[in-house]
């Protein structure tokens, strides 16, 4: 086996992925500055599925929130099945289903849900890394302990395809379905 060639291929692929994620982050910053008069939030997402950075901006005239996230995918990493994380980019339109203010301090709870999409280079159940594309759904609850802090707990599902470039096969992205039960905690700063 030619491990040097495989490592070189993986290094080139990782470099392209990192460049894509950096370009995406720069575009998100441009969007953030263009909507600076509106309420924007930025922060981190944590889950057994993976961790990353997220930005949310008001969309559709304030009826919903557009959320962008760049995440490291931990599929197989925490169990020792692989040494390297995957990478994914998510986009959601979150609609507020229910909102409630509590107490004189202005604490607020919000129930939200919405559709989205996911693109990435991730590991699937068969242990093979490959490109993936999926339609996504998200459901969660957010708590605002103070005006500029948002803590959220959510669940998301990815229904899509996983492309194995080595075997030239396309399969259903099973990790996106199986890991739906794993929660995602978000800590965002609103400005």
Protein backbone atom coordinates (compact mmCIF):
# COMPACT_ATOMS: atom_id res chain seq x y z
CA UNK A 1 0.00 0.00 0.00
CA UNK A 2 1.17 3.49 -0.77
CA UNK A 3 0.54 5.33 2.49
CA UNK A 4 2.56 8.37 1.42
CA UNK A 5 0.29 8.94 -1.58
CA UNK A 6 -2.83 8.55 0.56
CA UNK A 7 -1.50 11.01 3.15
CA UNK A 8 -0.60 13.50 0.41
CA UNK A 9 -4.09 13.13 -1.10
CA UNK A 10 -5.67 13.61 2.35
CA UNK A 11 -3.46 16.65 3.02
CA UNK A 12 -4.44 18.26 -0.30
CA UNK A 13 -8.11 17.50 0.38
CA UNK A 14 -7.89 18.94 3.92
CA UNK A 15 -6.18 22.05 2.55
CA UNK A 16 -9.02 22.55 0.06
CA UNK A 17 -11.58 22.03 2.84
CA UNK A 18 -9.86 24.54 5.12
CA UNK A 19 -9.70 27.09 2.28
CA UNK A 20 -13.41 26.56 1.61
CA UNK A 21 -14.26 27.00 5.30
CA UNK A 22 -12.17 30.18 5.52
CA UNK A 23 -13.84 31.59 2.41
CA UNK A 24 -17.24 30.75 3.92
CA UNK A 25 -16.28 32.48 7.18
CA UNK A 26 -15.23 35.61 5.26
CA UNK A 27 -18.54 35.64 3.39
CA UNK A 28 -20.40 35.28 6.70
CA UNK A 29 -18.48 38.25 8.10
CA UNK A 30 -19.47 40.28 5.04
CA UNK A 31 -23.11 39.36 5.62
CA UNK A 32 -22.74 40.27 9.30
CA UNK A 33 -21.43 43.75 8.48
CA UNK A 34 -24.13 44.32 5.87
CA UNK A 35 -26.90 43.69 8.42
CA UNK A 36 -25.24 45.48 11.32
CA UNK A 37 -28.42 47.45 12.09
CA UNK A 38 -30.25 44.19 12.82
CA UNK A 39 -29.78 41.74 15.70
CA UNK A 40 -26.98 39.35 14.80
CA UNK A 41 -25.61 36.54 16.97
CA UNK A 42 -22.35 34.62 16.77
CA UNK A 43 -20.90 31.85 18.87
CA UNK A 44 -20.08 28.17 19.20
CA UNK A 45 -21.99 24.88 18.86
CA UNK A 46 -21.12 21.76 20.87
CA UNK A 47 -22.36 18.19 20.33
CA UNK A 48 -21.11 14.59 20.37
CA UNK A 49 -21.60 14.88 16.58
CA UNK A 50 -19.13 17.74 16.32
CA UNK A 51 -18.26 21.30 17.30
CA UNK A 52 -17.91 24.52 15.42
CA UNK A 53 -18.74 28.18 14.92
CA UNK A 54 -22.09 29.68 13.96
CA UNK A 55 -23.57 33.03 12.90
CA UNK A 56 -27.30 33.88 12.85
CA UNK A 57 -28.86 36.89 11.11
CA UNK A 58 -32.48 38.01 10.75
CA UNK A 59 -34.02 37.03 7.40
CA UNK A 60 -37.27 37.34 5.43
CA UNK A 61 -38.11 40.71 6.96
CA UNK A 62 -37.54 39.46 10.50
CA UNK A 63 -39.91 36.48 10.20
CA UNK A 64 -37.10 33.97 10.60
CA UNK A 65 -33.41 33.64 11.34
CA UNK A 66 -30.81 32.47 8.83
CA UNK A 67 -28.11 30.43 10.58
CA UNK A 68 -24.74 29.48 9.11
CA UNK A 69 -22.40 27.00 10.83
CA UNK A 70 -18.98 25.54 10.03
CA UNK A 71 -18.44 22.33 12.04
CA UNK A 72 -15.86 19.63 12.60
CA UNK A 73 -17.67 16.28 12.24
CA UNK A 74 -16.73 13.82 15.02
CA UNK A 75 -18.24 10.70 13.43
CA UNK A 76 -16.03 7.80 14.51
CA UNK A 77 -13.46 10.12 16.11
CA UNK A 78 -14.64 9.81 19.72
CA UNK A 79 -14.88 6.00 19.40
CA UNK A 80 -11.35 5.74 17.98
CA UNK A 81 -12.51 4.51 14.55
CA UNK A 82 -10.71 7.35 12.79
CA UNK A 83 -7.92 9.79 13.57
CA UNK A 84 -9.25 12.78 11.65
CA UNK A 85 -12.52 14.69 11.90
CA UNK A 86 -14.59 15.53 8.89
CA UNK A 87 -15.85 19.02 8.06
CA UNK A 88 -19.32 20.27 7.25
CA UNK A 89 -21.16 23.48 6.53
CA UNK A 90 -24.82 23.91 7.58
CA UNK A 91 -27.42 26.47 6.70
CA UNK A 92 -30.86 26.81 8.37
CA UNK A 93 -33.91 29.02 8.24
CA UNK A 94 -35.26 28.89 11.80
CA UNK A 95 -38.85 30.01 12.42
CA UNK A 96 -40.07 30.91 15.91
CA UNK A 97 -42.92 28.58 16.88
CA UNK A 98 -43.45 29.89 20.40
CA UNK A 99 -41.88 32.63 22.49
CA UNK A 100 -42.42 33.43 26.18
CA UNK A 101 -40.93 36.13 28.43
CA UNK A 102 -40.52 35.26 32.10
CA UNK A 103 -40.08 37.47 35.15
CA UNK A 104 -39.11 41.11 35.56
CA UNK A 105 -35.55 40.51 34.34
CA UNK A 106 -36.80 39.85 30.79
CA UNK A 107 -35.63 36.22 30.57
CA UNK A 108 -37.10 34.63 27.45
CA UNK A 109 -37.63 31.16 26.03
CA UNK A 110 -38.12 30.50 22.34
CA UNK A 111 -39.11 27.26 20.57
CA UNK A 112 -37.82 27.20 16.99
CA UNK A 113 -37.72 24.87 13.99
CA UNK A 114 -36.79 25.07 10.36
CA UNK A 115 -35.43 23.52 7.18
CA UNK A 116 -31.87 23.70 5.96
CA UNK A 117 -29.06 22.07 4.05
CA UNK A 118 -25.68 20.48 4.79
CA UNK A 119 -22.55 20.09 2.66
CA UNK A 120 -19.40 18.44 3.87
CA UNK A 121 -16.57 15.95 3.70
CA UNK A 122 -17.55 13.43 6.38
CA UNK A 123 -17.29 9.81 7.47
CA UNK A 124 -20.34 7.56 7.08
CA UNK A 125 -21.28 4.30 8.84
CA UNK A 126 -19.08 2.20 6.56
CA UNK A 127 -16.00 4.11 7.81
CA UNK A 128 -15.24 5.76 4.50
CA UNK A 129 -14.76 9.52 4.16
CA UNK A 130 -16.47 11.22 1.29
CA UNK A 131 -18.44 14.25 0.20
CA UNK A 132 -21.99 14.51 1.51
CA UNK A 133 -24.98 16.67 0.65
CA UNK A 134 -28.24 16.65 2.58
CA UNK A 135 -31.51 18.40 3.25
CA UNK A 136 -31.73 19.13 6.96
CA UNK A 137 -34.27 19.86 9.62
CA UNK A 138 -33.79 21.46 13.03
CA UNK A 139 -35.88 21.71 16.22
CA UNK A 140 -34.72 23.42 19.39
CA UNK A 141 -35.32 25.68 22.34
CA UNK A 142 -33.38 28.85 23.13
CA UNK A 143 -33.03 30.65 26.46
CA UNK A 144 -31.97 34.28 26.79
CA UNK A 145 -30.75 34.76 30.40
CA UNK A 146 -29.69 38.31 29.56
CA UNK A 147 -30.35 40.42 26.49
CA UNK A 148 -27.06 39.66 24.72
CA UNK A 149 -26.61 35.92 25.51
CA UNK A 150 -28.44 33.02 23.86
CA UNK A 151 -28.16 29.42 25.09
CA UNK A 152 -29.82 26.80 22.90
CA UNK A 153 -30.50 23.07 22.91
CA UNK A 154 -31.47 21.55 19.58
CA UNK A 155 -31.71 18.43 17.47
CA UNK A 156 -31.11 18.17 13.74
CA UNK A 157 -31.47 15.53 11.05
CA UNK A 158 -29.68 15.23 7.69
CA UNK A 159 -31.41 13.33 4.91
CA UNK A 160 -28.98 13.08 2.04
CA UNK A 161 -26.34 11.28 0.03
CA UNK A 162 -22.75 10.27 0.78
CA UNK A 163 -20.34 10.01 -2.17
CA UNK A 164 -17.55 7.43 -1.89
CA UNK A 165 -15.02 8.62 -4.47
CA UNK A 166 -12.78 5.55 -4.01
CA UNK A 167 -15.44 2.98 -4.97
CA UNK A 168 -17.39 5.48 -7.08
CA UNK A 169 -20.57 4.68 -5.12
CA UNK A 170 -23.33 6.92 -3.84
CA UNK A 171 -25.26 5.86 -0.75
CA UNK A 172 -27.73 7.32 1.71
CA UNK A 173 -25.90 9.32 4.38
CA UNK A 174 -26.80 7.09 7.36
CA UNK A 175 -24.88 9.06 10.01
CA UNK A 176 -27.16 12.03 9.35
CA UNK A 177 -30.18 9.91 10.25
CA UNK A 178 -28.76 7.74 13.04
CA UNK A 179 -27.26 10.64 15.02
CA UNK A 180 -30.49 12.67 15.08
CA UNK A 181 -31.01 11.92 18.79
CA UNK A 182 -27.69 13.55 19.77
CA UNK A 183 -28.33 17.09 21.10
CA UNK A 184 -26.47 20.20 20.07
CA UNK A 185 -25.83 22.97 22.60
CA UNK A 186 -25.19 26.49 21.37
CA UNK A 187 -23.73 29.47 23.18
CA UNK A 188 -24.21 32.66 21.20
CA UNK A 189 -23.45 36.32 21.80
CA UNK A 190 -26.10 38.71 20.40
CA UNK A 191 -24.99 42.13 19.18
